[in-house]
């Protein structure tokens, strides 16, 4: 397993505008049904208590609650937590978002000791490395009920690539605010090499005073080409049983950066 580690961070004030694009392109109402079906197929508990890691602005969490789950979201970014809580209140669903860094085991244990065990842990669409996915699974392992599942997503390539050679792509996107009275422009540039995607996004938007702003966001995506029966996280198989993959074909291609597709992979707690 690759040992790189990186943290997700966003410039102050940008989450609101990033969320315009999440709402437009991420088909939460479709993807979360896929996740629900995957969970139902593999879970061996009878409960529907789910802990969502890196819950962001709460859109996955709201859709999962609509599907009947009791949802606890862990999110370290305070701006995201505030936006999520407002969205949850508007939707009137059973979701609780807690400020917590799921990469820090002491922080996880502090929060989960109050929450208690859960049936499912989900880590979805969070741009951290494969090794950090493994750390997240290990940090939550004690809090997953026997027979419960840990489910996450990975990226594979839609084209044949030589991972040692540089490949790039770019595009421009425009998205309106949820109420349609604002918009933002995003210019994306992707560099692919060594199964790593460096994604730089430049955002243009008007702030609350009507002033035009330009801010840069940078994410790093770990690409792990799909191999059935191979555990990309190399988890302890005395604790976790590897489950089959599910290639996500139900959503539009806009869910992923160019040249990539998403697949689900899961583990069941023994």
C-alpha atoms as a PDB file:
ATOM      1  CA  UNK A   1       0.000   0.000   0.000  1.00  0.00           C
ATOM      2  CA  UNK A   2       1.238   3.498  -0.769  1.00  0.00           C
ATOM      3  CA  UNK A   3       2.263   5.433   2.329  1.00  0.00           C
ATOM      4  CA  UNK A   4       1.491   8.990   1.239  1.00  0.00           C
ATOM      5  CA  UNK A   5      -0.731  10.981   3.554  1.00  0.00           C
ATOM      6  CA  UNK A   6      -2.405  14.325   3.012  1.00  0.00           C
ATOM      7  CA  UNK A   7      -5.062  16.420   4.676  1.00  0.00           C
ATOM      8  CA  UNK A   8      -8.091  18.065   3.093  1.00  0.00           C
ATOM      9  CA  UNK A   9      -8.289  21.815   3.604  1.00  0.00           C
ATOM     10  CA  UNK A  10     -10.290  24.614   2.011  1.00  0.00           C
ATOM     11  CA  UNK A  11      -9.688  28.380   1.919  1.00  0.00           C
ATOM     12  CA  UNK A  12     -11.894  30.328   4.328  1.00  0.00           C
ATOM     13  CA  UNK A  13     -15.254  31.289   2.873  1.00  0.00           C
ATOM     14  CA  UNK A  14     -15.049  28.909  -0.091  1.00  0.00           C
ATOM     15  CA  UNK A  15     -17.164  25.994   1.169  1.00  0.00           C
ATOM     16  CA  UNK A  16     -20.413  27.809   0.364  1.00  0.00           C
ATOM     17  CA  UNK A  17     -19.408  28.054  -3.311  1.00  0.00           C
ATOM     18  CA  UNK A  18     -17.921  24.566  -3.525  1.00  0.00           C
ATOM     19  CA  UNK A  19     -21.337  23.380  -2.364  1.00  0.00           C
ATOM     20  CA  UNK A  20     -22.950  24.950  -5.472  1.00  0.00           C
ATOM     21  CA  UNK A  21     -21.005  22.425  -7.575  1.00  0.00           C
ATOM     22  CA  UNK A  22     -21.659  19.525  -5.230  1.00  0.00           C
ATOM     23  CA  UNK A  23     -25.382  20.145  -5.496  1.00  0.00           C
ATOM     24  CA  UNK A  24     -25.249  20.437  -9.294  1.00  0.00           C
ATOM     25  CA  UNK A  25     -22.993  17.488 -10.137  1.00  0.00           C
ATOM     26  CA  UNK A  26     -23.007  14.999  -7.256  1.00  0.00           C
ATOM     27  CA  UNK A  27     -26.134  12.884  -7.646  1.00  0.00           C
ATOM     28  CA  UNK A  28     -26.566  12.175  -3.964  1.00  0.00           C
ATOM     29  CA  UNK A  29     -30.122  10.934  -4.334  1.00  0.00           C
ATOM     30  CA  UNK A  30     -28.869   8.309  -6.830  1.00  0.00           C
ATOM     31  CA  UNK A  31     -25.537   7.395  -5.248  1.00  0.00           C
ATOM     32  CA  UNK A  32     -26.949   6.992  -1.759  1.00  0.00           C
ATOM     33  CA  UNK A  33     -29.513   4.487  -3.012  1.00  0.00           C
ATOM     34  CA  UNK A  34     -26.578   2.539  -4.497  1.00  0.00           C
ATOM     35  CA  UNK A  35     -24.819   2.715  -1.128  1.00  0.00           C
ATOM     36  CA  UNK A  36     -28.009   1.643   0.656  1.00  0.00           C
ATOM     37  CA  UNK A  37     -28.334  -1.397  -1.630  1.00  0.00           C
ATOM     38  CA  UNK A  38     -24.667  -2.296  -1.076  1.00  0.00           C
ATOM     39  CA  UNK A  39     -25.108  -2.107   2.697  1.00  0.00           C
ATOM     40  CA  UNK A  40     -28.298  -4.193   2.664  1.00  0.00           C
ATOM     41  CA  UNK A  41     -26.571  -6.846   0.580  1.00  0.00           C
ATOM     42  CA  UNK A  42     -23.618  -7.285   2.949  1.00  0.00           C
ATOM     43  CA  UNK A  43     -24.563  -6.213   6.464  1.00  0.00           C
ATOM     44  CA  UNK A  44     -25.187  -8.839   9.162  1.00  0.00           C
ATOM     45  CA  UNK A  45     -26.724  -6.554  11.786  1.00  0.00           C
ATOM     46  CA  UNK A  46     -30.352  -5.481  12.042  1.00  0.00           C
ATOM     47  CA  UNK A  47     -29.712  -1.825  12.917  1.00  0.00           C
ATOM     48  CA  UNK A  48     -29.522   1.234  10.650  1.00  0.00           C
ATOM     49  CA  UNK A  49     -27.143   3.434  12.609  1.00  0.00           C
ATOM     50  CA  UNK A  50     -24.509   4.947  10.346  1.00  0.00           C
ATOM     51  CA  UNK A  51     -21.463   7.111  11.035  1.00  0.00           C
ATOM     52  CA  UNK A  52     -20.443   9.191   8.025  1.00  0.00           C
ATOM     53  CA  UNK A  53     -16.834  10.383   8.012  1.00  0.00           C
ATOM     54  CA  UNK A  54     -15.944  13.712   6.431  1.00  0.00           C
ATOM     55  CA  UNK A  55     -19.617  14.619   6.250  1.00  0.00           C
ATOM     56  CA  UNK A  56     -18.964  18.054   4.744  1.00  0.00           C
ATOM     57  CA  UNK A  57     -22.115  20.067   4.133  1.00  0.00           C
ATOM     58  CA  UNK A  58     -24.400  17.146   4.961  1.00  0.00           C
ATOM     59  CA  UNK A  59     -25.798  16.192   1.575  1.00  0.00           C
ATOM     60  CA  UNK A  60     -24.943  12.472   1.750  1.00  0.00           C
ATOM     61  CA  UNK A  61     -26.172  12.424   5.308  1.00  0.00           C
ATOM     62  CA  UNK A  62     -29.579  13.939   4.501  1.00  0.00           C
ATOM     63  CA  UNK A  63     -30.165  11.448   1.686  1.00  0.00           C
ATOM     64  CA  UNK A  64     -29.169   8.517   3.915  1.00  0.00           C
ATOM     65  CA  UNK A  65     -31.570   9.765   6.597  1.00  0.00           C
ATOM     66  CA  UNK A  66     -34.370   9.853   4.010  1.00  0.00           C
ATOM     67  CA  UNK A  67     -33.605   6.167   3.412  1.00  0.00           C
ATOM     68  CA  UNK A  68     -34.297   5.419   7.065  1.00  0.00           C
ATOM     69  CA  UNK A  69     -30.844   5.639   8.634  1.00  0.00           C
ATOM     70  CA  UNK A  70     -29.976   7.306  11.907  1.00  0.00           C
ATOM     71  CA  UNK A  71     -26.978   9.340  10.761  1.00  0.00           C
ATOM     72  CA  UNK A  72     -24.059  10.711  12.755  1.00  0.00           C
ATOM     73  CA  UNK A  73     -21.639  12.790  10.701  1.00  0.00           C
ATOM     74  CA  UNK A  74     -18.068  13.568  11.749  1.00  0.00           C
ATOM     75  CA  UNK A  75     -16.582  16.683  10.141  1.00  0.00           C
ATOM     76  CA  UNK A  76     -13.553  18.738  11.196  1.00  0.00           C
ATOM     77  CA  UNK A  77     -14.250  21.888   9.136  1.00  0.00           C
ATOM     78  CA  UNK A  78     -16.370  24.282  11.197  1.00  0.00           C
ATOM     79  CA  UNK A  79     -17.673  26.173   8.150  1.00  0.00           C
ATOM     80  CA  UNK A  80     -18.939  22.883   6.686  1.00  0.00           C
ATOM     81  CA  UNK A  81     -20.552  21.915   9.998  1.00  0.00           C
ATOM     82  CA  UNK A  82     -22.477  25.207  10.118  1.00  0.00           C
ATOM     83  CA  UNK A  83     -23.731  24.859   6.527  1.00  0.00           C
ATOM     84  CA  UNK A  84     -24.643  21.208   7.145  1.00  0.00           C
ATOM     85  CA  UNK A  85     -26.658  21.996  10.273  1.00  0.00           C
ATOM     86  CA  UNK A  86     -28.639  24.659   8.429  1.00  0.00           C
ATOM     87  CA  UNK A  87     -29.353  22.227   5.559  1.00  0.00           C
ATOM     88  CA  UNK A  88     -30.358  19.460   7.978  1.00  0.00           C
ATOM     89  CA  UNK A  89     -32.759  21.794   9.772  1.00  0.00           C
ATOM     90  CA  UNK A  90     -34.346  22.761   6.453  1.00  0.00           C
ATOM     91  CA  UNK A  91     -34.788  19.078   5.535  1.00  0.00           C
ATOM     92  CA  UNK A  92     -36.045  18.062   9.003  1.00  0.00           C
ATOM     93  CA  UNK A  93     -34.253  14.691   9.047  1.00  0.00           C
ATOM     94  CA  UNK A  94     -32.583  12.506  11.677  1.00  0.00           C
ATOM     95  CA  UNK A  95     -28.968  13.633  11.258  1.00  0.00           C
ATOM     96  CA  UNK A  96     -26.477  14.839  13.826  1.00  0.00           C
ATOM     97  CA  UNK A  97     -23.228  16.474  12.684  1.00  0.00           C
ATOM     98  CA  UNK A  98     -20.363  16.629  15.179  1.00  0.00           C
ATOM     99  CA  UNK A  99     -17.116  18.565  14.821  1.00  0.00           C
ATOM    100  CA  UNK A 100     -14.466  15.851  14.930  1.00  0.00           C
ATOM    101  CA  UNK A 101     -11.284  14.961  13.061  1.00  0.00           C
ATOM    102  CA  UNK A 102     -11.728  11.288  12.195  1.00  0.00           C
ATOM    103  CA  UNK A 103      -8.008  11.008  11.433  1.00  0.00           C
ATOM    104  CA  UNK A 104      -7.207  11.490  15.138  1.00  0.00           C
ATOM    105  CA  UNK A 105      -8.105   8.365  17.118  1.00  0.00           C
ATOM    106  CA  UNK A 106      -8.324  10.209  20.438  1.00  0.00           C
ATOM    107  CA  UNK A 107     -10.840  12.622  18.895  1.00  0.00           C
ATOM    108  CA  UNK A 108     -12.842   9.727  17.441  1.00  0.00           C
ATOM    109  CA  UNK A 109     -12.886   7.797  20.729  1.00  0.00           C
ATOM    110  CA  UNK A 110     -13.967  10.902  22.653  1.00  0.00           C
ATOM    111  CA  UNK A 111     -16.955  11.465  20.367  1.00  0.00           C
ATOM    112  CA  UNK A 112     -17.902   7.824  19.832  1.00  0.00           C
ATOM    113  CA  UNK A 113     -17.842   7.072  23.565  1.00  0.00           C
ATOM    114  CA  UNK A 114     -20.871   9.371  23.754  1.00  0.00           C
ATOM    115  CA  UNK A 115     -22.464   8.112  20.527  1.00  0.00           C
ATOM    116  CA  UNK A 116     -21.929   4.399  21.078  1.00  0.00           C
ATOM    117  CA  UNK A 117     -21.497   1.580  18.518  1.00  0.00           C
ATOM    118  CA  UNK A 118     -22.840   1.900  14.976  1.00  0.00           C
ATOM    119  CA  UNK A 119     -23.872  -0.593  12.297  1.00  0.00           C
ATOM    120  CA  UNK A 120     -22.170   1.152   9.406  1.00  0.00           C
ATOM    121  CA  UNK A 121     -19.251   3.516   8.886  1.00  0.00           C
ATOM    122  CA  UNK A 122     -19.102   5.294   5.514  1.00  0.00           C
ATOM    123  CA  UNK A 123     -16.245   7.321   4.033  1.00  0.00           C
ATOM    124  CA  UNK A 124     -17.404   8.765   0.722  1.00  0.00           C
ATOM    125  CA  UNK A 125     -15.968  11.279  -1.745  1.00  0.00           C
ATOM    126  CA  UNK A 126     -13.285  12.569   0.620  1.00  0.00           C
ATOM    127  CA  UNK A 127      -9.976  13.347  -1.165  1.00  0.00           C
ATOM    128  CA  UNK A 128      -7.538  11.626   1.183  1.00  0.00           C
ATOM    129  CA  UNK A 129      -4.964   8.949   0.441  1.00  0.00           C
ATOM    130  CA  UNK A 130      -5.468   5.190   0.494  1.00  0.00           C
ATOM    131  CA  UNK A 131      -3.277   4.966   3.598  1.00  0.00           C
ATOM    132  CA  UNK A 132      -5.497   7.552   5.297  1.00  0.00           C
ATOM    133  CA  UNK A 133      -8.588   5.541   4.330  1.00  0.00           C
ATOM    134  CA  UNK A 134      -6.979   2.647   6.199  1.00  0.00           C
ATOM    135  CA  UNK A 135      -6.250   4.845   9.204  1.00  0.00           C
ATOM    136  CA  UNK A 136      -9.894   5.961   9.268  1.00  0.00           C
ATOM    137  CA  UNK A 137     -11.112   2.342   9.188  1.00  0.00           C
ATOM    138  CA  UNK A 138      -8.766   1.396  12.019  1.00  0.00           C
ATOM    139  CA  UNK A 139      -9.778   4.437  14.074  1.00  0.00           C
ATOM    140  CA  UNK A 140     -13.453   3.384  13.856  1.00  0.00           C
ATOM    141  CA  UNK A 141     -12.943  -0.390  14.101  1.00  0.00           C
ATOM    142  CA  UNK A 142     -13.801  -0.579  17.814  1.00  0.00           C
ATOM    143  CA  UNK A 143     -17.059   1.286  17.219  1.00  0.00           C
ATOM    144  CA  UNK A 144     -18.494  -0.923  14.456  1.00  0.00           C
ATOM    145  CA  UNK A 145     -20.777  -3.691  15.683  1.00  0.00           C
ATOM    146  CA  UNK A 146     -19.846  -7.281  14.765  1.00  0.00           C
ATOM    147  CA  UNK A 147     -21.518  -7.938  11.424  1.00  0.00           C
ATOM    148  CA  UNK A 148     -21.525  -4.235  10.613  1.00  0.00           C
ATOM    149  CA  UNK A 149     -19.782  -2.775   7.576  1.00  0.00           C
ATOM    150  CA  UNK A 150     -17.224  -0.153   6.642  1.00  0.00           C
ATOM    151  CA  UNK A 151     -17.900   1.115   3.112  1.00  0.00           C
ATOM    152  CA  UNK A 152     -15.881   3.547   1.063  1.00  0.00           C
ATOM    153  CA  UNK A 153     -15.216   4.511  -2.539  1.00  0.00           C
ATOM    154  CA  UNK A 154     -12.146   4.366  -4.747  1.00  0.00           C
ATOM    155  CA  UNK A 155     -11.315   5.533  -8.252  1.00  0.00           C
ATOM    156  CA  UNK A 156     -10.238   3.465 -11.239  1.00  0.00           C
ATOM    157  CA  UNK A 157      -9.258   4.562 -14.745  1.00  0.00           C
ATOM    158  CA  UNK A 158     -11.727   4.554 -17.631  1.00  0.00           C
ATOM    159  CA  UNK A 159      -8.841   4.526 -20.138  1.00  0.00           C
ATOM    160  CA  UNK A 160      -5.550   2.665 -20.413  1.00  0.00           C
ATOM    161  CA  UNK A 161      -2.819   4.825 -18.907  1.00  0.00           C
ATOM    162  CA  UNK A 162       0.860   4.518 -18.148  1.00  0.00           C
ATOM    163  CA  UNK A 163       0.922   5.719 -14.523  1.00  0.00           C
ATOM    164  CA  UNK A 164       4.563   6.816 -14.908  1.00  0.00           C
ATOM    165  CA  UNK A 165       3.789   9.297 -17.686  1.00  0.00           C
ATOM    166  CA  UNK A 166       2.212  12.688 -17.071  1.00  0.00           C
ATOM    167  CA  UNK A 167      -1.330  13.098 -18.367  1.00  0.00           C
ATOM    168  CA  UNK A 168      -3.554  16.136 -17.871  1.00  0.00           C
ATOM    169  CA  UNK A 169      -7.070  17.441 -18.450  1.00  0.00           C
ATOM    170  CA  UNK A 170      -8.950  20.668 -17.808  1.00  0.00           C
ATOM    171  CA  UNK A 171     -12.468  22.066 -17.960  1.00  0.00           C
ATOM    172  CA  UNK A 172     -14.643  24.977 -16.858  1.00  0.00           C
ATOM    173  CA  UNK A 173     -17.872  24.672 -14.867  1.00  0.00           C
ATOM    174  CA  UNK A 174     -20.620  27.101 -13.832  1.00  0.00           C
ATOM    175  CA  UNK A 175     -23.068  26.427 -11.012  1.00  0.00           C
ATOM    176  CA  UNK A 176     -25.924  28.424  -9.498  1.00  0.00           C
ATOM    177  CA  UNK A 177     -26.709  28.718  -5.805  1.00  0.00           C
ATOM    178  CA  UNK A 178     -29.583  26.548  -4.480  1.00  0.00           C
ATOM    179  CA  UNK A 179     -32.001  29.505  -4.614  1.00  0.00           C
ATOM    180  CA  UNK A 180     -30.740  30.618  -8.036  1.00  0.00           C
ATOM    181  CA  UNK A 181     -29.778  34.166  -7.026  1.00  0.00           C
ATOM    182  CA  UNK A 182     -26.004  33.617  -7.132  1.00  0.00           C
ATOM    183  CA  UNK A 183     -23.463  31.644  -9.133  1.00  0.00           C
ATOM    184  CA  UNK A 184     -19.812  30.648  -9.226  1.00  0.00           C
ATOM    185  CA  UNK A 185     -17.337  29.674 -11.935  1.00  0.00           C
ATOM    186  CA  UNK A 186     -14.797  26.901 -11.438  1.00  0.00           C
ATOM    187  CA  UNK A 187     -11.780  26.253 -13.659  1.00  0.00           C
ATOM    188  CA  UNK A 188     -10.343  22.762 -13.110  1.00  0.00           C
ATOM    189  CA  UNK A 189      -6.890  21.480 -13.983  1.00  0.00           C
ATOM    190  CA  UNK A 190      -5.976  17.828 -13.403  1.00  0.00           C
ATOM    191  CA  UNK A 191      -2.505  16.250 -13.552  1.00  0.00           C
ATOM    192  CA  UNK A 192      -2.228  12.438 -13.475  1.00  0.00           C
ATOM    193  CA  UNK A 193       0.984  10.590 -12.634  1.00  0.00           C
ATOM    194  CA  UNK A 194       1.996   7.656 -10.416  1.00  0.00           C
ATOM    195  CA  UNK A 195      -1.705   6.902  -9.782  1.00  0.00           C
ATOM    196  CA  UNK A 196      -2.049  10.320  -8.141  1.00  0.00           C
ATOM    197  CA  UNK A 197      -4.327  13.073  -9.436  1.00  0.00           C
ATOM    198  CA  UNK A 198      -3.400  16.624  -8.501  1.00  0.00           C
ATOM    199  CA  UNK A 199      -6.601  18.623  -8.901  1.00  0.00           C
ATOM    200  CA  UNK A 200      -6.323  22.412  -8.848  1.00  0.00           C
ATOM    201  CA  UNK A 201      -9.563  24.395  -8.953  1.00  0.00           C
ATOM    202  CA  UNK A 202      -9.803  28.170  -9.377  1.00  0.00           C
ATOM    203  CA  UNK A 203     -13.094  29.647  -8.155  1.00  0.00           C
ATOM    204  CA  UNK A 204     -14.562  32.970  -9.283  1.00  0.00           C
ATOM    205  CA  UNK A 205     -17.503  34.282  -7.258  1.00  0.00           C
ATOM    206  CA  UNK A 206     -19.071  37.418  -5.802  1.00  0.00           C
ATOM    207  CA  UNK A 207     -18.864  37.716  -2.026  1.00  0.00           C
ATOM    208  CA  UNK A 208     -21.627  39.112   0.176  1.00  0.00           C
ATOM    209  CA  UNK A 209     -20.490  42.669  -0.622  1.00  0.00           C
ATOM    210  CA  UNK A 210     -20.697  42.030  -4.378  1.00  0.00           C
ATOM    211  CA  UNK A 211     -16.917  42.027  -4.792  1.00  0.00           C
ATOM    212  CA  UNK A 212     -15.474  39.576  -7.324  1.00  0.00           C
ATOM    213  CA  UNK A 213     -13.193  37.047  -5.628  1.00  0.00           C
ATOM    214  CA  UNK A 214     -10.792  34.452  -6.974  1.00  0.00           C
ATOM    215  CA  UNK A 215      -9.566  31.607  -4.755  1.00  0.00           C
ATOM    216  CA  UNK A 216      -7.595  28.434  -5.406  1.00  0.00           C
ATOM    217  CA  UNK A 217      -8.382  25.016  -3.983  1.00  0.00           C
ATOM    218  CA  UNK A 218      -6.113  21.996  -4.347  1.00  0.00           C
ATOM    219  CA  UNK A 219      -7.059  18.354  -3.756  1.00  0.00           C
ATOM    220  CA  UNK A 220      -5.031  15.185  -4.212  1.00  0.00           C
ATOM    221  CA  UNK A 221      -6.829  12.023  -5.328  1.00  0.00           C
ATOM    222  CA  UNK A 222      -5.404   8.528  -4.926  1.00  0.00           C
ATOM    223  CA  UNK A 223      -6.285   6.225  -7.837  1.00  0.00           C
ATOM    224  CA  UNK A 224      -6.346   2.526  -6.994  1.00  0.00           C
ATOM    225  CA  UNK A 225      -7.239   0.529 -10.125  1.00  0.00           C
ATOM    226  CA  UNK A 226      -9.979  -1.949  -9.300  1.00  0.00           C
ATOM    227  CA  UNK A 227      -8.890  -5.521  -8.521  1.00  0.00           C
ATOM    228  CA  UNK A 228     -11.585  -7.843  -7.219  1.00  0.00           C
ATOM    229  CA  UNK A 229     -10.465  -9.696  -4.107  1.00  0.00           C
ATOM    230  CA  UNK A 230      -7.544  -7.343  -3.439  1.00  0.00           C
ATOM    231  CA  UNK A 231      -7.731  -5.223  -0.293  1.00  0.00           C
ATOM    232  CA  UNK A 232      -6.443  -1.712  -1.140  1.00  0.00           C
ATOM    233  CA  UNK A 233      -6.408  -0.732   2.538  1.00  0.00           C
ATOM    234  CA  UNK A 234      -4.613  -3.879   3.734  1.00  0.00           C
ATOM    235  CA  UNK A 235      -6.822  -4.031   6.834  1.00  0.00           C
ATOM    236  CA  UNK A 236      -6.399  -6.662   9.542  1.00  0.00           C
ATOM    237  CA  UNK A 237      -8.371  -9.646   8.252  1.00  0.00           C
ATOM    238  CA  UNK A 238      -8.748 -10.970  11.779  1.00  0.00           C
ATOM    239  CA  UNK A 239     -11.012  -7.951  12.310  1.00  0.00           C
ATOM    240  CA  UNK A 240     -12.454  -7.216   8.850  1.00  0.00           C
ATOM    241  CA  UNK A 241     -13.700  -9.448   6.054  1.00  0.00           C
ATOM    242  CA  UNK A 242     -13.223  -7.982   2.555  1.00  0.00           C
ATOM    243  CA  UNK A 243     -16.463  -7.624   0.566  1.00  0.00           C
ATOM    244  CA  UNK A 244     -16.988  -7.550  -3.233  1.00  0.00           C
ATOM    245  CA  UNK A 245     -16.630  -4.311  -5.179  1.00  0.00           C
ATOM    246  CA  UNK A 246     -19.472  -2.484  -6.882  1.00  0.00           C
ATOM    247  CA  UNK A 247     -18.677  -0.355  -9.935  1.00  0.00           C
ATOM    248  CA  UNK A 248     -20.892   2.738  -9.843  1.00  0.00           C
ATOM    249  CA  UNK A 249     -22.613   2.970 -13.214  1.00  0.00           C
ATOM    250  CA  UNK A 250     -25.880   4.412 -11.929  1.00  0.00           C
ATOM    251  CA  UNK A 251     -24.617   8.024 -11.812  1.00  0.00           C
ATOM    252  CA  UNK A 252     -23.633  10.395 -14.604  1.00  0.00           C
ATOM    253  CA  UNK A 253     -19.941  10.696 -15.436  1.00  0.00           C
ATOM    254  CA  UNK A 254     -19.937  14.188 -13.885  1.00  0.00           C
ATOM    255  CA  UNK A 255     -19.512  12.525 -10.482  1.00  0.00           C
ATOM    256  CA  UNK A 256     -15.820  11.868 -11.237  1.00  0.00           C
ATOM    257  CA  UNK A 257     -12.873  13.809 -12.660  1.00  0.00           C
ATOM    258  CA  UNK A 258     -11.953  13.045 -16.310  1.00  0.00           C
ATOM    259  CA  UNK A 259     -10.596   9.542 -17.061  1.00  0.00           C
ATOM    260  CA  UNK A 260     -11.854   8.124 -13.741  1.00  0.00           C
ATOM    261  CA  UNK A 261     -14.789   6.065 -12.513  1.00  0.00           C
ATOM    262  CA  UNK A 262     -15.928   5.366  -8.966  1.00  0.00           C
ATOM    263  CA  UNK A 263     -16.374   1.987  -7.329  1.00  0.00           C
ATOM    264  CA  UNK A 264     -17.544   0.991  -3.863  1.00  0.00           C
ATOM    265  CA  UNK A 265     -15.578  -1.376  -1.690  1.00  0.00           C
ATOM    266  CA  UNK A 266     -16.474  -2.617   1.765  1.00  0.00           C
ATOM    267  CA  UNK A 267     -15.424  -4.691   4.758  1.00  0.00           C
ATOM    268  CA  UNK A 268     -17.585  -6.526   7.298  1.00  0.00           C
ATOM    269  CA  UNK A 269     -16.581  -6.521  10.970  1.00  0.00           C
ATOM    270  CA  UNK A 270     -16.043 -10.041  12.271  1.00  0.00           C
END
